Amino acid sequence: MAAVFWTMGLSLLLQGCLWSVGQTDTGCIRWTASGTDVCCQACHPGNRLVKDCGPRPKELCTPCERGAFVEKPNMCTTCTRCLGALVEVEKCTTTTDTKCGCKEGLTCGDDRCSFCVDKCDKGSCRPCPDGTFNDQVHQMCKPWSTKCPNPAEHIVAGGNALTDITCGVSLRPAKSPKRPDPTEEAWPFVLSMVTSLLLTSFGTVVIITIIIISRRRSRIMAKKALQKREEEEEEKGKAIPRTLIIDSPTDDPRTLIAIECSFHEAEQEQGSSSESLASDDSAERLIA
């Protein structure tokens, strides 16, 4: 019987200790005076604000009900329940929400672990596409690096589904410089020669064309000048008849000779008879 009472007393003592540990202070923890009232600035952890000002600080804040916690100063939020594949990792308190996890073989699908997905090993679950890798559990595939972080290193091995590229210092001998191709060296020279020939031919054709045009123009101008000169001479010949009279300085009638020259074809066709008559007539006038 004594043992029974001893057990009951010990149980009550433990429950009291646990209640005292889990009990939350109530009311306002920091306030300012406003006349006969006080205005609450902050509630005790696990308490929500009931009203801003009042006569007693304890009446301004009140603890949240069981199964709720304070997320904002003036309201309580219901604790999250871990259901289905979720398991409770940490219990809900007056100031923090429940922390959930996933069962064995599953992993959280987001940062808050609001749902679970199948756990993927490295490079598994869904194969990473070519050029990407995944070196962590249940993480997204990441692209391979394109160069080494250290300038003195270079890529010695490519990446795969589990690892990124491998960098290191190469011990391979330096490659001998590539010999230039004679064809590549001759090509610029050939191109320059062809260009020079084309330009020279074009210039020659232009010069010859200019010379031919100049000579043709000179001939045309000379021909026109000759025609103009002939026309002028012909007009002068028609306008002025030519008569030549020679007087001798002696009184001998026979030494006075009058010669009339005519270049018209009509006068030449009259014959020698006209010339004799003119000579006799002029002789008679001299004798008289």
Protein backbone atom coordinates (compact mmCIF):
# COMPACT_ATOMS: atom_id res chain seq x y z
CA MET A 1 0.00 0.00 0.00
CA ALA A 2 2.80 2.39 0.82
CA ALA A 3 4.33 1.57 -2.50
CA VAL A 4 1.11 2.55 -4.28
CA PHE A 5 0.92 5.93 -2.56
CA TRP A 6 4.57 6.48 -3.30
CA THR A 7 3.96 5.83 -6.99
CA MET A 8 0.92 8.14 -7.10
CA GLY A 9 2.80 10.96 -5.36
CA LEU A 10 5.72 10.65 -7.71
CA SER A 11 3.36 10.76 -10.69
CA LEU A 12 1.64 13.93 -9.45
CA LEU A 13 5.03 15.53 -8.83
CA LEU A 14 6.17 14.76 -12.35
CA GLN A 15 2.94 16.12 -13.89
CA GLY A 16 3.35 19.34 -11.90
CA CYS A 17 6.89 19.74 -13.09
CA LEU A 18 5.89 19.11 -16.68
CA TRP A 19 3.01 21.64 -16.46
CA SER A 20 5.27 24.25 -14.96
CA VAL A 21 7.78 23.71 -17.76
CA GLY A 22 5.10 23.86 -20.48
CA GLN A 23 3.26 26.78 -18.97
CA THR A 24 3.59 30.08 -20.86
CA ASP A 25 3.70 33.49 -19.24
CA THR A 26 0.64 35.53 -20.05
CA GLY A 27 0.07 39.20 -20.65
CA CYS A 28 2.22 42.01 -21.96
CA ILE A 29 6.00 41.86 -21.53
CA ARG A 30 6.77 45.45 -22.58
CA TRP A 31 4.45 48.45 -22.38
CA THR A 32 4.31 52.24 -22.00
CA ALA A 33 2.15 54.35 -19.67
CA SER A 34 -0.63 56.44 -21.14
CA GLY A 35 -2.39 58.31 -18.34
CA THR A 36 -4.00 55.74 -16.04
CA ASP A 37 -3.67 52.98 -18.67
CA VAL A 38 -0.74 51.14 -20.22
CA CYS A 39 -0.24 50.41 -23.91
CA CYS A 40 1.37 47.11 -24.86
CA GLN A 41 4.47 47.14 -27.05
CA ALA A 42 5.16 43.36 -27.05
CA CYS A 43 3.40 40.26 -25.69
CA HIS A 44 5.02 37.31 -23.96
CA PRO A 45 6.08 34.54 -26.37
CA GLY A 46 3.06 32.41 -27.22
CA ASN A 47 0.60 35.22 -26.50
CA ARG A 48 -1.48 37.17 -28.94
CA LEU A 49 -2.48 40.81 -28.53
CA VAL A 50 -6.08 41.30 -27.37
CA LYS A 51 -6.17 45.10 -27.16
CA ASP A 52 -3.55 47.83 -27.37
CA CYS A 53 -4.20 49.70 -24.07
CA GLY A 54 -5.85 48.92 -20.72
CA PRO A 55 -5.44 49.30 -16.96
CA ARG A 56 -3.60 45.97 -16.45
CA PRO A 57 -0.82 44.56 -18.69
CA LYS A 58 -1.87 40.93 -18.17
CA GLU A 59 -5.23 41.63 -19.74
CA LEU A 60 -3.75 43.02 -22.97
CA CYS A 61 -2.36 39.65 -24.21
CA THR A 62 -3.63 36.10 -23.91
CA PRO A 63 -1.97 32.73 -24.68
CA CYS A 64 -2.91 30.80 -27.81
CA GLU A 65 -5.11 27.72 -27.42
CA ARG A 66 -3.56 24.27 -27.47
CA GLY A 67 -2.57 23.27 -31.01
CA ALA A 68 -1.82 26.84 -32.08
CA PHE A 69 1.21 29.09 -32.10
CA VAL A 70 1.87 32.79 -32.54
CA GLU A 71 3.03 33.62 -36.05
CA LYS A 72 1.97 37.28 -35.93
CA PRO A 73 1.76 39.49 -32.80
CA ASN A 74 -2.01 39.76 -32.83
CA MET A 75 -3.12 36.30 -34.02
CA CYS A 76 -2.64 32.59 -33.39
CA THR A 77 -2.03 30.06 -36.16
CA THR A 78 -3.05 26.42 -36.03
CA CYS A 79 -0.12 24.01 -35.86
CA THR A 80 0.62 21.98 -38.98
CA ARG A 81 -0.31 18.29 -38.87
CA CYS A 82 2.01 15.77 -40.45
CA LEU A 83 -0.22 13.40 -42.45
CA GLY A 84 0.30 10.62 -44.97
CA ALA A 85 3.95 10.18 -45.89
CA LEU A 86 4.88 13.05 -43.57
CA VAL A 87 6.12 12.26 -40.08
CA GLU A 88 6.50 14.61 -37.13
CA VAL A 89 10.09 15.61 -36.50
CA GLU A 90 9.52 18.41 -33.96
CA LYS A 91 6.35 19.15 -32.04
CA CYS A 92 4.49 22.42 -32.27
CA THR A 93 5.16 24.96 -29.48
CA THR A 94 3.56 28.26 -28.58
CA THR A 95 6.12 30.05 -30.72
CA THR A 96 7.03 27.58 -33.50
CA ASP A 97 5.08 25.40 -35.91
CA THR A 98 5.36 21.66 -36.24
CA LYS A 99 8.36 20.42 -38.21
CA CYS A 100 7.57 17.51 -40.52
CA GLY A 101 9.77 15.03 -42.36
CA CYS A 102 9.26 12.13 -44.75
CA LYS A 103 9.22 8.41 -44.28
CA GLU A 104 12.16 6.20 -45.19
CA GLY A 105 12.80 6.13 -48.94
CA LEU A 106 11.11 9.51 -49.47
CA THR A 107 12.36 13.09 -49.32
CA CYS A 108 10.79 16.51 -48.95
CA GLY A 109 9.47 18.05 -52.11
CA ASP A 110 10.03 21.69 -51.02
CA ASP A 111 11.77 23.75 -48.35
CA ARG A 112 8.77 23.59 -45.96
CA CYS A 113 8.45 19.83 -46.53
CA SER A 114 4.78 20.14 -47.29
CA PHE A 115 4.87 16.95 -49.41
CA CYS A 116 7.16 14.00 -50.11
CA VAL A 117 8.63 12.54 -53.29
CA ASP A 118 10.69 9.47 -54.06
CA LYS A 119 14.30 9.82 -52.99
CA CYS A 120 16.69 10.03 -55.94
CA ASP A 121 20.27 8.89 -55.68
CA LYS A 122 23.11 10.62 -57.43
CA GLY A 123 22.43 10.82 -61.13
CA SER A 124 19.31 8.69 -60.86
CA CYS A 125 15.53 9.14 -60.54
CA ARG A 126 15.45 10.77 -63.96
CA PRO A 127 18.68 10.63 -65.98
CA CYS A 128 20.34 13.99 -66.39
CA PRO A 129 20.42 15.18 -70.02
CA ASP A 130 23.71 15.23 -71.86
CA GLY A 131 25.85 18.13 -70.71
CA THR A 132 24.40 18.17 -67.15
CA PHE A 133 25.08 16.33 -63.88
CA ASN A 134 23.67 15.83 -60.35
CA ASP A 135 26.11 15.12 -57.52
CA GLN A 136 23.61 15.45 -54.64
CA VAL A 137 20.56 13.59 -53.44
CA HIS A 138 17.29 14.82 -54.90
CA GLN A 139 18.65 17.92 -56.57
CA MET A 140 18.22 19.44 -59.98
CA CYS A 141 20.64 18.65 -62.79
CA LYS A 142 23.29 21.30 -63.34
CA PRO A 143 25.15 22.07 -66.59
CA TRP A 144 28.79 21.11 -66.93
CA SER A 145 31.33 23.87 -66.48
CA THR A 146 32.77 25.26 -69.70
CA LYS A 147 36.20 26.16 -68.28
CA CYS A 148 38.37 25.51 -65.26
CA PRO A 149 38.29 28.01 -62.38
CA ASN A 150 42.10 28.06 -62.22
CA PRO A 151 43.67 29.71 -65.31
CA ALA A 152 46.71 27.41 -65.01
CA GLU A 153 44.55 24.32 -65.41
CA HIS A 154 42.58 22.94 -68.31
CA ILE A 155 39.96 20.26 -68.80
CA VAL A 156 41.50 16.77 -68.57
CA ALA A 157 38.23 14.81 -68.42
CA GLY A 158 34.66 15.54 -69.42
CA GLY A 159 31.69 15.41 -67.10
CA ASN A 160 29.08 12.70 -66.73
CA ALA A 161 25.70 12.27 -65.02
CA LEU A 162 27.36 12.27 -61.56
CA THR A 163 30.29 14.66 -61.81
CA ASP A 164 31.32 17.90 -63.45
CA ILE A 165 34.36 18.28 -65.68
CA THR A 166 37.76 17.40 -64.25
CA CYS A 167 40.48 20.04 -64.34
CA GLY A 168 44.22 19.57 -63.99
CA VAL A 169 47.66 20.51 -65.28
CA SER A 170 48.56 18.66 -68.46
CA LEU A 171 51.95 16.96 -68.79
CA ARG A 172 51.58 16.42 -72.52
CA PRO A 173 54.34 17.94 -74.69
CA ALA A 174 53.49 21.12 -76.41
CA LYS A 175 52.24 20.71 -79.94
CA SER A 176 54.66 21.63 -82.68
CA PRO A 177 53.59 24.68 -84.63
CA LYS A 178 51.55 23.88 -87.68
CA ARG A 179 53.43 24.25 -90.94
CA PRO A 180 51.80 26.69 -93.28
CA ASP A 181 50.24 25.25 -96.42
CA PRO A 182 52.06 26.43 -99.59
CA THR A 183 48.74 26.73 -101.34
CA GLU A 184 47.47 29.08 -98.63
CA GLU A 185 50.66 31.16 -98.88
CA ALA A 186 50.48 31.40 -102.71
CA TRP A 187 46.82 32.33 -102.83
CA PRO A 188 47.25 36.00 -101.75
CA PHE A 189 50.07 36.45 -104.34
CA VAL A 190 47.96 34.96 -107.14
CA LEU A 191 45.01 37.11 -106.13
CA SER A 192 47.14 40.27 -106.18
CA MET A 193 48.59 39.38 -109.60
CA VAL A 194 45.18 38.74 -111.11
CA THR A 195 43.89 41.99 -109.66
CA SER A 196 46.87 43.91 -111.06
CA LEU A 197 46.41 42.41 -114.54
CA LEU A 198 42.72 43.25 -114.57
CA LEU A 199 43.39 46.83 -113.51
CA THR A 200 46.18 47.21 -116.08
CA SER A 201 44.00 45.81 -118.88
CA PHE A 202 41.16 48.09 -117.93
CA GLY A 203 43.45 51.13 -117.86
CA THR A 204 44.92 50.22 -121.28
CA VAL A 205 41.49 49.87 -122.84
CA VAL A 206 40.46 53.25 -121.42
CA ILE A 207 43.59 55.00 -122.77
CA ILE A 208 43.22 53.45 -126.26
CA THR A 209 39.57 54.43 -126.36
CA ILE A 210 40.43 58.03 -125.45
CA ILE A 211 43.15 58.20 -128.15
CA ILE A 212 40.82 56.82 -130.85
CA ILE A 213 38.07 59.25 -129.93
CA SER A 214 40.53 62.20 -129.92
CA ARG A 215 41.95 61.32 -133.35
CA ARG A 216 38.52 60.86 -134.85
CA ARG A 217 37.41 64.18 -133.44
CA SER A 218 40.57 65.88 -134.84
CA ARG A 219 39.91 64.45 -138.29
CA ILE A 220 36.32 65.62 -138.26
CA MET A 221 37.36 69.11 -137.19
CA ALA A 222 40.10 69.30 -139.87
CA LYS A 223 37.65 68.14 -142.54
CA LYS A 224 35.14 70.78 -141.51
CA ALA A 225 37.83 73.50 -141.53
CA LEU A 226 38.96 72.47 -145.06
CA GLN A 227 35.40 72.52 -146.36
CA LYS A 228 34.83 75.94 -144.85
CA ARG A 229 38.03 77.29 -146.45
CA GLU A 230 37.07 75.95 -149.86
CA GLU A 231 33.63 77.51 -149.58
CA GLU A 232 35.14 80.90 -148.68
CA GLU A 233 37.57 80.79 -151.62
CA GLU A 234 34.78 79.84 -154.01
CA GLU A 235 32.64 82.78 -152.82
CA LYS A 236 35.56 85.22 -153.30
CA GLY A 237 36.18 83.94 -156.88
CA LYS A 238 32.57 84.57 -157.86
CA ALA A 239 32.40 88.09 -156.41
CA ILE A 240 35.64 89.73 -157.89
CA PRO A 241 36.60 89.30 -161.64
CA ARG A 242 40.32 89.54 -162.28
CA THR A 243 41.53 92.08 -165.02
CA LEU A 244 45.17 92.77 -165.66
CA ILE A 245 46.29 95.92 -167.73
CA ILE A 246 49.94 96.50 -168.39
CA ASP A 247 50.98 100.04 -169.60
CA SER A 248 54.35 100.36 -171.20
CA PRO A 249 56.33 103.59 -170.53
CA THR A 250 56.86 104.27 -174.25
CA ASP A 251 54.72 106.25 -176.77
CA ASP A 252 54.82 103.44 -179.31
CA PRO A 253 51.26 102.29 -179.85
CA ARG A 254 52.49 98.84 -180.42
CA THR A 255 54.09 98.71 -177.03
CA LEU A 256 50.77 99.41 -175.31
CA ILE A 257 49.19 96.12 -174.65
CA ALA A 258 45.90 95.59 -173.01
CA ILE A 259 45.21 92.14 -171.88
CA GLU A 260 41.93 91.28 -170.36
CA CYS A 261 41.78 87.99 -168.62
CA SER A 262 38.62 86.25 -167.82
CA PHE A 263 38.35 82.96 -166.01
CA HIS A 264 34.70 82.31 -166.83
CA GLU A 265 34.15 79.26 -168.92
CA ALA A 266 31.45 80.98 -171.00
CA GLU A 267 33.86 83.63 -172.25
CA GLN A 268 36.53 81.06 -173.10
CA GLU A 269 34.08 79.17 -175.37
CA GLN A 270 33.62 82.21 -177.69
CA GLY A 271 36.86 81.34 -179.48
CA SER A 272 39.72 83.29 -180.94
CA SER A 273 37.47 85.46 -183.12
CA SER A 274 36.28 87.49 -180.24
CA GLU A 275 39.85 88.01 -179.03
CA SER A 276 40.98 89.26 -182.51
CA LEU A 277 38.12 91.69 -182.79
CA ALA A 278 38.91 93.14 -179.42
CA SER A 279 42.59 93.51 -180.38
CA ASP A 280 41.79 95.34 -183.65
CA ASP A 281 39.38 97.68 -181.96
CA SER A 282 41.89 98.66 -179.34
CA ALA A 283 44.61 99.22 -182.01
CA GLU A 284 42.39 101.56 -183.98
CA ARG A 285 41.70 103.68 -180.94
CA LEU A 286 45.42 104.03 -180.27
CA ILE A 287 46.27 105.16 -183.86
CA ALA A 288 43.52 107.75 -183.90
